[in-house]
Each structure stands twice: as C-alpha cells, then as structure tokens.
Amino acid sequence: LSFLDNNLPENCWLIATARVHKVRNFVY
C-alpha cells in the first residue's frame, strides 16, 4: 500500500475498485 501510495512510477496509472480508499495520494 505504501508503494502504491508514494512510490508508483510517474508513467504508471492506477485504477482501483474498493469499498475503502486505502490509497490516498494523487487520487481522483
């Protein structure tokens, strides 16, 4: 989760489905 939140490379986009928002940075 820390990797997804803070260290995801700039050329990578993340789409997550969840009941909860465990990723908080750079989230739409």
mmCIF file of all heavy atoms, coordinates in Angstrom:
data_MODEL
# 
_entry.id   MODEL 
# 
loop_
_atom_site.group_PDB 
_atom_site.id 
_atom_site.type_symbol 
_atom_site.label_atom_id 
_atom_site.label_alt_id 
_atom_site.label_comp_id 
_atom_site.label_asym_id 
_atom_site.label_entity_id 
_atom_site.label_seq_id 
_atom_site.pdbx_PDB_ins_code 
_atom_site.Cartn_x 
_atom_site.Cartn_y 
_atom_site.Cartn_z 
_atom_site.occupancy 
_atom_site.B_iso_or_equiv 
_atom_site.pdbx_formal_charge 
_atom_site.auth_seq_id 
_atom_site.auth_comp_id 
_atom_site.auth_asym_id 
_atom_site.auth_atom_id 
_atom_site.pdbx_PDB_model_num 
ATOM 1   N N   . LEU A 1 1  ? 0.830   -1.205 0.000   1.00 0.00 ? 1  LEU A N   1 
ATOM 2   C CA  . LEU A 1 1  ? 0.000   0.000  0.000   1.00 0.00 ? 1  LEU A CA  1 
ATOM 3   C C   . LEU A 1 1  ? 0.867   1.258  0.000   1.00 0.00 ? 1  LEU A C   1 
ATOM 4   O O   . LEU A 1 1  ? 0.551   2.248  -0.660  1.00 0.00 ? 1  LEU A O   1 
ATOM 5   C CB  . LEU A 1 1  ? -0.930  -0.006 1.216   1.00 0.00 ? 1  LEU A CB  1 
ATOM 6   C CG  . LEU A 1 1  ? -2.048  -1.055 1.185   1.00 0.00 ? 1  LEU A CG  1 
ATOM 7   C CD1 . LEU A 1 1  ? -2.755  -1.112 2.519   1.00 0.00 ? 1  LEU A CD1 1 
ATOM 8   C CD2 . LEU A 1 1  ? -3.048  -0.726 0.080   1.00 0.00 ? 1  LEU A CD2 1 
ATOM 9   N N   . SER A 1 2  ? 1.972   1.214  0.748   1.00 0.00 ? 2  SER A N   1 
ATOM 10  C CA  . SER A 1 2  ? 2.880   2.359  0.771   1.00 0.00 ? 2  SER A CA  1 
ATOM 11  C C   . SER A 1 2  ? 3.491   2.591  -0.604  1.00 0.00 ? 2  SER A C   1 
ATOM 12  O O   . SER A 1 2  ? 3.655   3.744  -1.041  1.00 0.00 ? 2  SER A O   1 
ATOM 13  C CB  . SER A 1 2  ? 3.978   2.123  1.811   1.00 0.00 ? 2  SER A CB  1 
ATOM 14  O OG  . SER A 1 2  ? 4.898   3.187  1.808   1.00 0.00 ? 2  SER A OG  1 
ATOM 15  N N   . PHE A 1 3  ? 3.806   1.500  -1.306  1.00 0.00 ? 3  PHE A N   1 
ATOM 16  C CA  . PHE A 1 3  ? 4.349   1.625  -2.655  1.00 0.00 ? 3  PHE A CA  1 
ATOM 17  C C   . PHE A 1 3  ? 3.322   2.269  -3.586  1.00 0.00 ? 3  PHE A C   1 
ATOM 18  O O   . PHE A 1 3  ? 3.629   3.197  -4.343  1.00 0.00 ? 3  PHE A O   1 
ATOM 19  C CB  . PHE A 1 3  ? 4.751   0.250  -3.185  1.00 0.00 ? 3  PHE A CB  1 
ATOM 20  C CG  . PHE A 1 3  ? 5.139   0.258  -4.647  1.00 0.00 ? 3  PHE A CG  1 
ATOM 21  C CD1 . PHE A 1 3  ? 6.383   0.700  -5.050  1.00 0.00 ? 3  PHE A CD1 1 
ATOM 22  C CD2 . PHE A 1 3  ? 4.228   -0.154 -5.615  1.00 0.00 ? 3  PHE A CD2 1 
ATOM 23  C CE1 . PHE A 1 3  ? 6.724   0.723  -6.392  1.00 0.00 ? 3  PHE A CE1 1 
ATOM 24  C CE2 . PHE A 1 3  ? 4.559   -0.132 -6.951  1.00 0.00 ? 3  PHE A CE2 1 
ATOM 25  C CZ  . PHE A 1 3  ? 5.825   0.309  -7.350  1.00 0.00 ? 3  PHE A CZ  1 
ATOM 26  N N   . LEU A 1 4  ? 2.092   1.780  -3.540  1.00 0.00 ? 4  LEU A N   1 
ATOM 27  C CA  . LEU A 1 4  ? 1.042   2.340  -4.398  1.00 0.00 ? 4  LEU A CA  1 
ATOM 28  C C   . LEU A 1 4  ? 0.775   3.797  -4.068  1.00 0.00 ? 4  LEU A C   1 
ATOM 29  O O   . LEU A 1 4  ? 0.460   4.609  -4.952  1.00 0.00 ? 4  LEU A O   1 
ATOM 30  C CB  . LEU A 1 4  ? -0.245  1.520  -4.238  1.00 0.00 ? 4  LEU A CB  1 
ATOM 31  C CG  . LEU A 1 4  ? -0.196  0.062  -4.704  1.00 0.00 ? 4  LEU A CG  1 
ATOM 32  C CD1 . LEU A 1 4  ? -1.520  -0.631 -4.399  1.00 0.00 ? 4  LEU A CD1 1 
ATOM 33  C CD2 . LEU A 1 4  ? 0.103   -0.038 -6.194  1.00 0.00 ? 4  LEU A CD2 1 
ATOM 34  N N   . ASP A 1 5  ? 0.922   4.124  -2.795  1.00 0.00 ? 5  ASP A N   1 
ATOM 35  C CA  . ASP A 1 5  ? 0.576   5.473  -2.346  1.00 0.00 ? 5  ASP A CA  1 
ATOM 36  C C   . ASP A 1 5  ? 1.688   6.486  -2.620  1.00 0.00 ? 5  ASP A C   1 
ATOM 37  O O   . ASP A 1 5  ? 1.419   7.647  -2.940  1.00 0.00 ? 5  ASP A O   1 
ATOM 38  C CB  . ASP A 1 5  ? 0.283   5.435  -0.842  1.00 0.00 ? 5  ASP A CB  1 
ATOM 39  C CG  . ASP A 1 5  ? -0.770  6.443  -0.426  1.00 0.00 ? 5  ASP A CG  1 
ATOM 40  O OD1 . ASP A 1 5  ? -1.529  6.892  -1.305  1.00 0.00 ? 5  ASP A OD1 1 
ATOM 41  O OD2 . ASP A 1 5  ? -0.840  6.778  0.753   1.00 0.00 ? 5  ASP A OD2 1 
ATOM 42  N N   . ASN A 1 6  ? 2.938   6.051  -2.494  1.00 0.00 ? 6  ASN A N   1 
ATOM 43  C CA  . ASN A 1 6  ? 4.048   7.010  -2.510  1.00 0.00 ? 6  ASN A CA  1 
ATOM 44  C C   . ASN A 1 6  ? 5.111   6.775  -3.578  1.00 0.00 ? 6  ASN A C   1 
ATOM 45  O O   . ASN A 1 6  ? 5.849   7.712  -3.920  1.00 0.00 ? 6  ASN A O   1 
ATOM 46  C CB  . ASN A 1 6  ? 4.739   7.011  -1.135  1.00 0.00 ? 6  ASN A CB  1 
ATOM 47  C CG  . ASN A 1 6  ? 3.791   7.346  -0.009  1.00 0.00 ? 6  ASN A CG  1 
ATOM 48  O OD1 . ASN A 1 6  ? 3.109   8.355  -0.066  1.00 0.00 ? 6  ASN A OD1 1 
ATOM 49  N ND2 . ASN A 1 6  ? 3.744   6.505  1.017   1.00 0.00 ? 6  ASN A ND2 1 
ATOM 50  N N   . ASN A 1 7  ? 5.238   5.549  -4.071  1.00 0.00 ? 7  ASN A N   1 
ATOM 51  C CA  . ASN A 1 7  ? 6.370   5.234  -4.942  1.00 0.00 ? 7  ASN A CA  1 
ATOM 52  C C   . ASN A 1 7  ? 5.969   4.738  -6.329  1.00 0.00 ? 7  ASN A C   1 
ATOM 53  O O   . ASN A 1 7  ? 6.822   4.219  -7.060  1.00 0.00 ? 7  ASN A O   1 
ATOM 54  C CB  . ASN A 1 7  ? 7.266   4.171  -4.270  1.00 0.00 ? 7  ASN A CB  1 
ATOM 55  C CG  . ASN A 1 7  ? 7.752   4.619  -2.907  1.00 0.00 ? 7  ASN A CG  1 
ATOM 56  O OD1 . ASN A 1 7  ? 7.342   4.071  -1.892  1.00 0.00 ? 7  ASN A OD1 1 
ATOM 57  N ND2 . ASN A 1 7  ? 8.611   5.625  -2.879  1.00 0.00 ? 7  ASN A ND2 1 
ATOM 58  N N   . LEU A 1 8  ? 4.722   4.880  -6.685  1.00 0.00 ? 8  LEU A N   1 
ATOM 59  C CA  . LEU A 1 8  ? 4.289   4.437  -8.002  1.00 0.00 ? 8  LEU A CA  1 
ATOM 60  C C   . LEU A 1 8  ? 4.968   5.300  -9.066  1.00 0.00 ? 8  LEU A C   1 
ATOM 61  O O   . LEU A 1 8  ? 4.951   6.527  -8.980  1.00 0.00 ? 8  LEU A O   1 
ATOM 62  C CB  . LEU A 1 8  ? 2.762   4.552  -8.116  1.00 0.00 ? 8  LEU A CB  1 
ATOM 63  C CG  . LEU A 1 8  ? 2.073   3.693  -9.177  1.00 0.00 ? 8  LEU A CG  1 
ATOM 64  C CD1 . LEU A 1 8  ? 2.259   2.210  -8.875  1.00 0.00 ? 8  LEU A CD1 1 
ATOM 65  C CD2 . LEU A 1 8  ? 0.598   4.036  -9.248  1.00 0.00 ? 8  LEU A CD2 1 
ATOM 66  N N   . PRO A 1 9  ? 5.605   4.689  -10.076 1.00 0.00 ? 9  PRO A N   1 
ATOM 67  C CA  . PRO A 1 9  ? 6.284   5.481  -11.114 1.00 0.00 ? 9  PRO A CA  1 
ATOM 68  C C   . PRO A 1 9  ? 5.340   6.443  -11.817 1.00 0.00 ? 9  PRO A C   1 
ATOM 69  O O   . PRO A 1 9  ? 4.135   6.184  -11.932 1.00 0.00 ? 9  PRO A O   1 
ATOM 70  C CB  . PRO A 1 9  ? 6.809   4.409  -12.083 1.00 0.00 ? 9  PRO A CB  1 
ATOM 71  C CG  . PRO A 1 9  ? 6.917   3.175  -11.255 1.00 0.00 ? 9  PRO A CG  1 
ATOM 72  C CD  . PRO A 1 9  ? 5.780   3.233  -10.277 1.00 0.00 ? 9  PRO A CD  1 
ATOM 73  N N   . GLU A 1 10 ? 5.887   7.539  -12.293 1.00 0.00 ? 10 GLU A N   1 
ATOM 74  C CA  . GLU A 1 10 ? 5.068   8.569  -12.920 1.00 0.00 ? 10 GLU A CA  1 
ATOM 75  C C   . GLU A 1 10 ? 4.404   8.090  -14.201 1.00 0.00 ? 10 GLU A C   1 
ATOM 76  O O   . GLU A 1 10 ? 3.373   8.638  -14.609 1.00 0.00 ? 10 GLU A O   1 
ATOM 77  C CB  . GLU A 1 10 ? 5.916   9.804  -13.221 1.00 0.00 ? 10 GLU A CB  1 
ATOM 78  C CG  . GLU A 1 10 ? 6.418   10.509 -11.971 1.00 0.00 ? 10 GLU A CG  1 
ATOM 79  C CD  . GLU A 1 10 ? 7.195   11.762 -12.309 1.00 0.00 ? 10 GLU A CD  1 
ATOM 80  O OE1 . GLU A 1 10 ? 7.353   12.038 -13.519 1.00 0.00 ? 10 GLU A OE1 1 
ATOM 81  O OE2 . GLU A 1 10 ? 7.643   12.462 -11.378 1.00 0.00 ? 10 GLU A OE2 1 
ATOM 82  N N   . ASN A 1 11 ? 4.982   7.087  -14.856 1.00 0.00 ? 11 ASN A N   1 
ATOM 83  C CA  . ASN A 1 11 ? 4.383   6.614  -16.112 1.00 0.00 ? 11 ASN A CA  1 
ATOM 84  C C   . ASN A 1 11 ? 3.341   5.530  -15.866 1.00 0.00 ? 11 ASN A C   1 
ATOM 85  O O   . ASN A 1 11 ? 2.871   4.892  -16.798 1.00 0.00 ? 11 ASN A O   1 
ATOM 86  C CB  . ASN A 1 11 ? 5.479   6.063  -17.044 1.00 0.00 ? 11 ASN A CB  1 
ATOM 87  C CG  . ASN A 1 11 ? 6.174   4.841  -16.454 1.00 0.00 ? 11 ASN A CG  1 
ATOM 88  O OD1 . ASN A 1 11 ? 6.209   4.669  -15.244 1.00 0.00 ? 11 ASN A OD1 1 
ATOM 89  N ND2 . ASN A 1 11 ? 6.716   3.995  -17.325 1.00 0.00 ? 11 ASN A ND2 1 
ATOM 90  N N   . CYS A 1 12 ? 2.972   5.327  -14.597 1.00 0.00 ? 12 CYS A N   1 
ATOM 91  C CA  . CYS A 1 12 ? 2.002   4.281  -14.264 1.00 0.00 ? 12 CYS A CA  1 
ATOM 92  C C   . CYS A 1 12 ? 0.727   4.909  -13.718 1.00 0.00 ? 12 CYS A C   1 
ATOM 93  O O   . CYS A 1 12 ? 0.766   5.763  -12.825 1.00 0.00 ? 12 CYS A O   1 
ATOM 94  C CB  . CYS A 1 12 ? 2.604   3.323  -13.233 1.00 0.00 ? 12 CYS A CB  1 
ATOM 95  S SG  . CYS A 1 12 ? 1.520   1.940  -12.832 1.00 0.00 ? 12 CYS A SG  1 
ATOM 96  N N   . TRP A 1 13 ? -0.389  4.480  -14.265 1.00 0.00 ? 13 TRP A N   1 
ATOM 97  C CA  . TRP A 1 13 ? -1.703  4.905  -13.792 1.00 0.00 ? 13 TRP A CA  1 
ATOM 98  C C   . TRP A 1 13 ? -2.345  3.733  -13.061 1.00 0.00 ? 13 TRP A C   1 
ATOM 99  O O   . TRP A 1 13 ? -2.193  2.584  -13.454 1.00 0.00 ? 13 TRP A O   1 
ATOM 100 C CB  . TRP A 1 13 ? -2.589  5.344  -14.961 1.00 0.00 ? 13 TRP A CB  1 
ATOM 101 C CG  . TRP A 1 13 ? -2.184  6.667  -15.531 1.00 0.00 ? 13 TRP A CG  1 
ATOM 102 C CD1 . TRP A 1 13 ? -1.106  6.935  -16.315 1.00 0.00 ? 13 TRP A CD1 1 
ATOM 103 C CD2 . TRP A 1 13 ? -2.849  7.910  -15.343 1.00 0.00 ? 13 TRP A CD2 1 
ATOM 104 N NE1 . TRP A 1 13 ? -1.039  8.259  -16.640 1.00 0.00 ? 13 TRP A NE1 1 
ATOM 105 C CE2 . TRP A 1 13 ? -2.107  8.888  -16.051 1.00 0.00 ? 13 TRP A CE2 1 
ATOM 106 C CE3 . TRP A 1 13 ? -3.990  8.295  -14.665 1.00 0.00 ? 13 TRP A CE3 1 
ATOM 107 C CZ2 . TRP A 1 13 ? -2.477  10.223 -16.085 1.00 0.00 ? 13 TRP A CZ2 1 
ATOM 108 C CZ3 . TRP A 1 13 ? -4.363  9.627  -14.687 1.00 0.00 ? 13 TRP A CZ3 1 
ATOM 109 C CH2 . TRP A 1 13 ? -3.618  10.583 -15.396 1.00 0.00 ? 13 TRP A CH2 1 
ATOM 110 N N   . LEU A 1 14 ? -3.086  4.063  -12.027 1.00 0.00 ? 14 LEU A N   1 
ATOM 111 C CA  . LEU A 1 14 ? -3.705  3.027  -11.195 1.00 0.00 ? 14 LEU A CA  1 
ATOM 112 C C   . LEU A 1 14 ? -5.215  3.218  -11.185 1.00 0.00 ? 14 LEU A C   1 
ATOM 113 O O   . LEU A 1 14 ? -5.719  4.319  -10.950 1.00 0.00 ? 14 LEU A O   1 
ATOM 114 C CB  . LEU A 1 14 ? -3.168  3.119  -9.760  1.00 0.00 ? 14 LEU A CB  1 
ATOM 115 C CG  . LEU A 1 14 ? -3.832  2.213  -8.714  1.00 0.00 ? 14 LEU A CG  1 
ATOM 116 C CD1 . LEU A 1 14 ? -3.510  0.749  -9.003  1.00 0.00 ? 14 LEU A CD1 1 
ATOM 117 C CD2 . LEU A 1 14 ? -3.368  2.590  -7.308  1.00 0.00 ? 14 LEU A CD2 1 
ATOM 118 N N   . ILE A 1 15 ? -5.924  2.141  -11.466 1.00 0.00 ? 15 ILE A N   1 
ATOM 119 C CA  . ILE A 1 15 ? -7.378  2.129  -11.307 1.00 0.00 ? 15 ILE A CA  1 
ATOM 120 C C   . ILE A 1 15 ? -7.706  1.056  -10.278 1.00 0.00 ? 15 ILE A C   1 
ATOM 121 O O   . ILE A 1 15 ? -7.346  -0.112 -10.450 1.00 0.00 ? 15 ILE A O   1 
ATOM 122 C CB  . ILE A 1 15 ? -8.102  1.830  -12.635 1.00 0.00 ? 15 ILE A CB  1 
ATOM 123 C CG1 . ILE A 1 15 ? -7.866  2.964  -13.630 1.00 0.00 ? 15 ILE A CG1 1 
ATOM 124 C CG2 . ILE A 1 15 ? -9.588  1.640  -12.389 1.00 0.00 ? 15 ILE A CG2 1 
ATOM 125 C CD1 . ILE A 1 15 ? -8.547  2.753  -14.963 1.00 0.00 ? 15 ILE A CD1 1 
ATOM 126 N N   . ALA A 1 16 ? -8.353  1.464  -9.202  1.00 0.00 ? 16 ALA A N   1 
ATOM 127 C CA  . ALA A 1 16 ? -8.667  0.529  -8.125  1.00 0.00 ? 16 ALA A CA  1 
ATOM 128 C C   . ALA A 1 16 ? -10.165 0.529  -7.854  1.00 0.00 ? 16 ALA A C   1 
ATOM 129 O O   . ALA A 1 16 ? -10.820 1.572  -7.912  1.00 0.00 ? 16 ALA A O   1 
ATOM 130 C CB  . ALA A 1 16 ? -7.913  0.920  -6.849  1.00 0.00 ? 16 ALA A CB  1 
ATOM 131 N N   . THR A 1 17 ? -10.694 -0.651 -7.596  1.00 0.00 ? 17 THR A N   1 
ATOM 132 C CA  . THR A 1 17 ? -12.075 -0.774 -7.145  1.00 0.00 ? 17 THR A CA  1 
ATOM 133 C C   . THR A 1 17 ? -12.030 -1.207 -5.688  1.00 0.00 ? 17 THR A C   1 
ATOM 134 O O   . THR A 1 17 ? -11.241 -2.077 -5.317  1.00 0.00 ? 17 THR A O   1 
ATOM 135 C CB  . THR A 1 17 ? -12.858 -1.805 -7.973  1.00 0.00 ? 17 THR A CB  1 
ATOM 136 O OG1 . THR A 1 17 ? -12.280 -3.104 -7.777  1.00 0.00 ? 17 THR A OG1 1 
ATOM 137 C CG2 . THR A 1 17 ? -12.830 -1.446 -9.434  1.00 0.00 ? 17 THR A CG2 1 
ATOM 138 N N   . ALA A 1 18 ? -12.856 -0.591 -4.863  1.00 0.00 ? 18 ALA A N   1 
ATOM 139 C CA  . ALA A 1 18 ? -12.772 -0.898 -3.439  1.00 0.00 ? 18 ALA A CA  1 
ATOM 140 C C   . ALA A 1 18 ? -13.967 -0.321 -2.706  1.00 0.00 ? 18 ALA A C   1 
ATOM 141 O O   . ALA A 1 18 ? -14.597 0.633  -3.159  1.00 0.00 ? 18 ALA A O   1 
ATOM 142 C CB  . ALA A 1 18 ? -11.486 -0.332 -2.845  1.00 0.00 ? 18 ALA A CB  1 
ATOM 143 N N   . ARG A 1 19 ? -14.252 -0.934 -1.583  1.00 0.00 ? 19 ARG A N   1 
ATOM 144 C CA  . ARG A 1 19 ? -15.213 -0.333 -0.669  1.00 0.00 ? 19 ARG A CA  1 
ATOM 145 C C   . ARG A 1 19 ? -14.547 0.744  0.169   1.00 0.00 ? 19 ARG A C   1 
ATOM 146 O O   . ARG A 1 19 ? -15.214 1.555  0.781   1.00 0.00 ? 19 ARG A O   1 
ATOM 147 C CB  . ARG A 1 19 ? -15.785 -1.408 0.276   1.00 0.00 ? 19 ARG A CB  1 
ATOM 148 C CG  . ARG A 1 19 ? -16.764 -2.370 -0.373  1.00 0.00 ? 19 ARG A CG  1 
ATOM 149 C CD  . ARG A 1 19 ? -17.477 -3.145 0.700   1.00 0.00 ? 19 ARG A CD  1 
ATOM 150 N NE  . ARG A 1 19 ? -18.491 -4.026 0.153   1.00 0.00 ? 19 ARG A NE  1 
ATOM 151 C CZ  . ARG A 1 19 ? -19.441 -4.601 0.867   1.00 0.00 ? 19 ARG A CZ  1 
ATOM 152 N NH1 . ARG A 1 19 ? -19.483 -4.391 2.158   1.00 0.00 ? 19 ARG A NH1 1 
ATOM 153 N NH2 . ARG A 1 19 ? -20.321 -5.396 0.316   1.00 0.00 ? 19 ARG A NH2 1 
ATOM 154 N N   . VAL A 1 20 ? -13.236 0.706  0.244   1.00 0.00 ? 20 VAL A N   1 
ATOM 155 C CA  . VAL A 1 20 ? -12.499 1.657  1.070   1.00 0.00 ? 20 VAL A CA  1 
ATOM 156 C C   . VAL A 1 20 ? -11.367 2.253  0.248   1.00 0.00 ? 20 VAL A C   1 
ATOM 157 O O   . VAL A 1 20 ? -10.867 1.624  -0.677  1.00 0.00 ? 20 VAL A O   1 
ATOM 158 C CB  . VAL A 1 20 ? -11.929 0.980  2.336   1.00 0.00 ? 20 VAL A CB  1 
ATOM 159 C CG1 . VAL A 1 20 ? -13.032 0.414  3.191   1.00 0.00 ? 20 VAL A CG1 1 
ATOM 160 C CG2 . VAL A 1 20 ? -10.952 -0.125 1.975   1.00 0.00 ? 20 VAL A CG2 1 
ATOM 161 N N   . HIS A 1 21 ? -10.969 3.495  0.588   1.00 0.00 ? 21 HIS A N   1 
ATOM 162 C CA  . HIS A 1 21 ? -9.926  4.171  -0.198  1.00 0.00 ? 21 HIS A CA  1 
ATOM 163 C C   . HIS A 1 21 ? -8.586  4.055  0.513   1.00 0.00 ? 21 HIS A C   1 
ATOM 164 O O   . HIS A 1 21 ? -8.104  4.980  1.149   1.00 0.00 ? 21 HIS A O   1 
ATOM 165 C CB  . HIS A 1 21 ? -10.298 5.632  -0.443  1.00 0.00 ? 21 HIS A CB  1 
ATOM 166 C CG  . HIS A 1 21 ? -10.684 6.372  0.798   1.00 0.00 ? 21 HIS A CG  1 
ATOM 167 N ND1 . HIS A 1 21 ? -9.785  7.095  1.546   1.00 0.00 ? 21 HIS A ND1 1 
ATOM 168 C CD2 . HIS A 1 21 ? -11.868 6.486  1.432   1.00 0.00 ? 21 HIS A CD2 1 
ATOM 169 C CE1 . HIS A 1 21 ? -10.395 7.646  2.562   1.00 0.00 ? 21 HIS A CE1 1 
ATOM 170 N NE2 . HIS A 1 21 ? -11.664 7.292  2.530   1.00 0.00 ? 21 HIS A NE2 1 
ATOM 171 N N   . LYS A 1 22 ? -7.952  2.906  0.391   1.00 0.00 ? 22 LYS A N   1 
ATOM 172 C CA  . LYS A 1 22 ? -6.679  2.693  1.078   1.00 0.00 ? 22 LYS A CA  1 
ATOM 173 C C   . LYS A 1 22 ? -5.520  3.445  0.420   1.00 0.00 ? 22 LYS A C   1 
ATOM 174 O O   . LYS A 1 22 ? -4.464  3.573  1.016   1.00 0.00 ? 22 LYS A O   1 
ATOM 175 C CB  . LYS A 1 22 ? -6.363  1.193  1.134   1.00 0.00 ? 22 LYS A CB  1 
ATOM 176 C CG  . LYS A 1 22 ? -7.183  0.444  2.188   1.00 0.00 ? 22 LYS A CG  1 
ATOM 177 C CD  . LYS A 1 22 ? -6.615  -0.938 2.440   1.00 0.00 ? 22 LYS A CD  1 
ATOM 178 C CE  . LYS A 1 22 ? -7.313  -1.599 3.611   1.00 0.00 ? 22 LYS A CE  1 
ATOM 179 N NZ  . LYS A 1 22 ? -6.688  -2.895 3.955   1.00 0.00 ? 22 LYS A NZ  1 
ATOM 180 N N   . VAL A 1 23 ? -5.684  3.877  -0.793  1.00 0.00 ? 23 VAL A N   1 
ATOM 181 C CA  . VAL A 1 23 ? -4.670  4.717  -1.440  1.00 0.00 ? 23 VAL A CA  1 
ATOM 182 C C   . VAL A 1 23 ? -5.173  6.149  -1.387  1.00 0.00 ? 23 VAL A C   1 
ATOM 183 O O   . VAL A 1 23 ? -6.265  6.444  -1.856  1.00 0.00 ? 23 VAL A O   1 
ATOM 184 C CB  . VAL A 1 23 ? -4.441  4.275  -2.902  1.00 0.00 ? 23 VAL A CB  1 
ATOM 185 C CG1 . VAL A 1 23 ? -3.463  5.212  -3.575  1.00 0.00 ? 23 VAL A CG1 1 
ATOM 186 C CG2 . VAL A 1 23 ? -3.908  2.851  -2.933  1.00 0.00 ? 23 VAL A CG2 1 
ATOM 187 N N   . ARG A 1 24 ? -4.342  7.033  -0.823  1.00 0.00 ? 24 ARG A N   1 
ATOM 188 C CA  . ARG A 1 24 ? -4.843  8.384  -0.559  1.00 0.00 ? 24 ARG A CA  1 
ATOM 189 C C   . ARG A 1 24 ? -4.158  9.463  -1.385  1.00 0.00 ? 24 ARG A C   1 
ATOM 190 O O   . ARG A 1 24 ? -4.706  10.530 -1.588  1.00 0.00 ? 24 ARG A O   1 
ATOM 191 C CB  . ARG A 1 24 ? -4.686  8.706  0.933   1.00 0.00 ? 24 ARG A CB  1 
ATOM 192 C CG  . ARG A 1 24 ? -5.579  7.840  1.820   1.00 0.00 ? 24 ARG A CG  1 
ATOM 193 C CD  . ARG A 1 24 ? -5.461  8.246  3.264   1.00 0.00 ? 24 ARG A CD  1 
ATOM 194 N NE  . ARG A 1 24 ? -4.172  7.900  3.818   1.00 0.00 ? 24 ARG A NE  1 
ATOM 195 C CZ  . ARG A 1 24 ? -3.805  8.157  5.072   1.00 0.00 ? 24 ARG A CZ  1 
ATOM 196 N NH1 . ARG A 1 24 ? -4.630  8.784  5.864   1.00 0.00 ? 24 ARG A NH1 1 
ATOM 197 N NH2 . ARG A 1 24 ? -2.615  7.804  5.523   1.00 0.00 ? 24 ARG A NH2 1 
ATOM 198 N N   . ASN A 1 25 ? -2.939  9.241  -1.838  1.00 0.00 ? 25 ASN A N   1 
ATOM 199 C CA  . ASN A 1 25 ? -2.220  10.281 -2.576  1.00 0.00 ? 25 ASN A CA  1 
ATOM 200 C C   . ASN A 1 25 ? -2.579  10.250 -4.064  1.00 0.00 ? 25 ASN A C   1 
ATOM 201 O O   . ASN A 1 25 ? -2.718  9.188  -4.662  1.00 0.00 ? 25 ASN A O   1 
ATOM 202 C CB  . ASN A 1 25 ? -0.710  10.109 -2.416  1.00 0.00 ? 25 ASN A CB  1 
ATOM 203 C CG  . ASN A 1 25 ? -0.261  10.462 -1.009  1.00 0.00 ? 25 ASN A CG  1 
ATOM 204 O OD1 . ASN A 1 25 ? -0.915  11.228 -0.318  1.00 0.00 ? 25 ASN A OD1 1 
ATOM 205 N ND2 . ASN A 1 25 ? 0.854   9.895  -0.586  1.00 0.00 ? 25 ASN A ND2 1 
ATOM 206 N N   . PHE A 1 26 ? -2.677  11.434 -4.655  1.00 0.00 ? 26 PHE A N   1 
ATOM 207 C CA  . PHE A 1 26 ? -2.926  11.559 -6.097  1.00 0.00 ? 26 PHE A CA  1 
ATOM 208 C C   . PHE A 1 26 ? -4.152  10.746 -6.529  1.00 0.00 ? 26 PHE A C   1 
ATOM 209 O O   . PHE A 1 26 ? -4.131  10.031 -7.520  1.00 0.00 ? 26 PHE A O   1 
ATOM 210 C CB  . PHE A 1 26 ? -1.691  11.102 -6.890  1.00 0.00 ? 26 PHE A CB  1 
ATOM 211 C CG  . PHE A 1 26 ? -0.413  11.691 -6.391  1.00 0.00 ? 26 PHE A CG  1 
ATOM 212 C CD1 . PHE A 1 26 ? 0.497   10.924 -5.681  1.00 0.00 ? 26 PHE A CD1 1 
ATOM 213 C CD2 . PHE A 1 26 ? -0.135  13.031 -6.607  1.00 0.00 ? 26 PHE A CD2 1 
ATOM 214 C CE1 . PHE A 1 26 ? 1.674   11.476 -5.208  1.00 0.00 ? 26 PHE A CE1 1 
ATOM 215 C CE2 . PHE A 1 26 ? 1.039   13.593 -6.133  1.00 0.00 ? 26 PHE A CE2 1 
ATOM 216 C CZ  . PHE A 1 26 ? 1.945   12.818 -5.435  1.00 0.00 ? 26 PHE A CZ  1 
ATOM 217 N N   . VAL A 1 27 ? -5.218  10.867 -5.740  1.00 0.00 ? 27 VAL A N   1 
ATOM 218 C CA  . VAL A 1 27 ? -6.403  10.048 -6.002  1.00 0.00 ? 27 VAL A CA  1 
ATOM 219 C C   . VAL A 1 27 ? -7.517  10.926 -6.561  1.00 0.00 ? 27 VAL A C   1 
ATOM 220 O O   . VAL A 1 27 ? -7.770  12.020 -6.059  1.00 0.00 ? 27 VAL A O   1 
ATOM 221 C CB  . VAL A 1 27 ? -6.888  9.363  -4.703  1.00 0.00 ? 27 VAL A CB  1 
ATOM 222 C CG1 . VAL A 1 27 ? -8.254  8.731  -4.912  1.00 0.00 ? 27 VAL A CG1 1 
ATOM 223 C CG2 . VAL A 1 27 ? -5.897  8.290  -4.292  1.00 0.00 ? 27 VAL A CG2 1 
ATOM 224 N N   . TYR A 1 28 ? -8.148  10.418 -7.606  1.00 0.00 ? 28 TYR A N   1 
ATOM 225 C CA  . TYR A 1 28 ? -9.395  11.015 -8.089  1.00 0.00 ? 28 TYR A CA  1 
ATOM 226 C C   . TYR A 1 28 ? -10.498 10.002 -7.807  1.00 0.00 ? 28 TYR A C   1 
ATOM 227 O O   . TYR A 1 28 ? -10.640 9.010  -8.520  1.00 0.00 ? 28 TYR A O   1 
ATOM 228 C CB  . TYR A 1 28 ? -9.337  11.324 -9.584  1.00 0.00 ? 28 TYR A CB  1 
ATOM 229 C CG  . TYR A 1 28 ? -10.651 11.861 -10.117 1.00 0.00 ? 28 TYR A CG  1 
ATOM 230 C CD1 . TYR A 1 28 ? -11.022 13.190 -9.909  1.00 0.00 ? 28 TYR A CD1 1 
ATOM 231 C CD2 . TYR A 1 28 ? -11.534 11.035 -10.793 1.00 0.00 ? 28 TYR A CD2 1 
ATOM 232 C CE1 . TYR A 1 28 ? -12.221 13.679 -10.370 1.00 0.00 ? 28 TYR A CE1 1 
ATOM 233 C CE2 . TYR A 1 28 ? -12.744 11.517 -11.251 1.00 0.00 ? 28 TYR A CE2 1 
ATOM 234 C CZ  . TYR A 1 28 ? -13.082 12.841 -11.041 1.00 0.00 ? 28 TYR A CZ  1 
ATOM 235 O OH  . TYR A 1 28 ? -14.288 13.321 -11.492 1.00 0.00 ? 28 TYR A OH  1 
# 
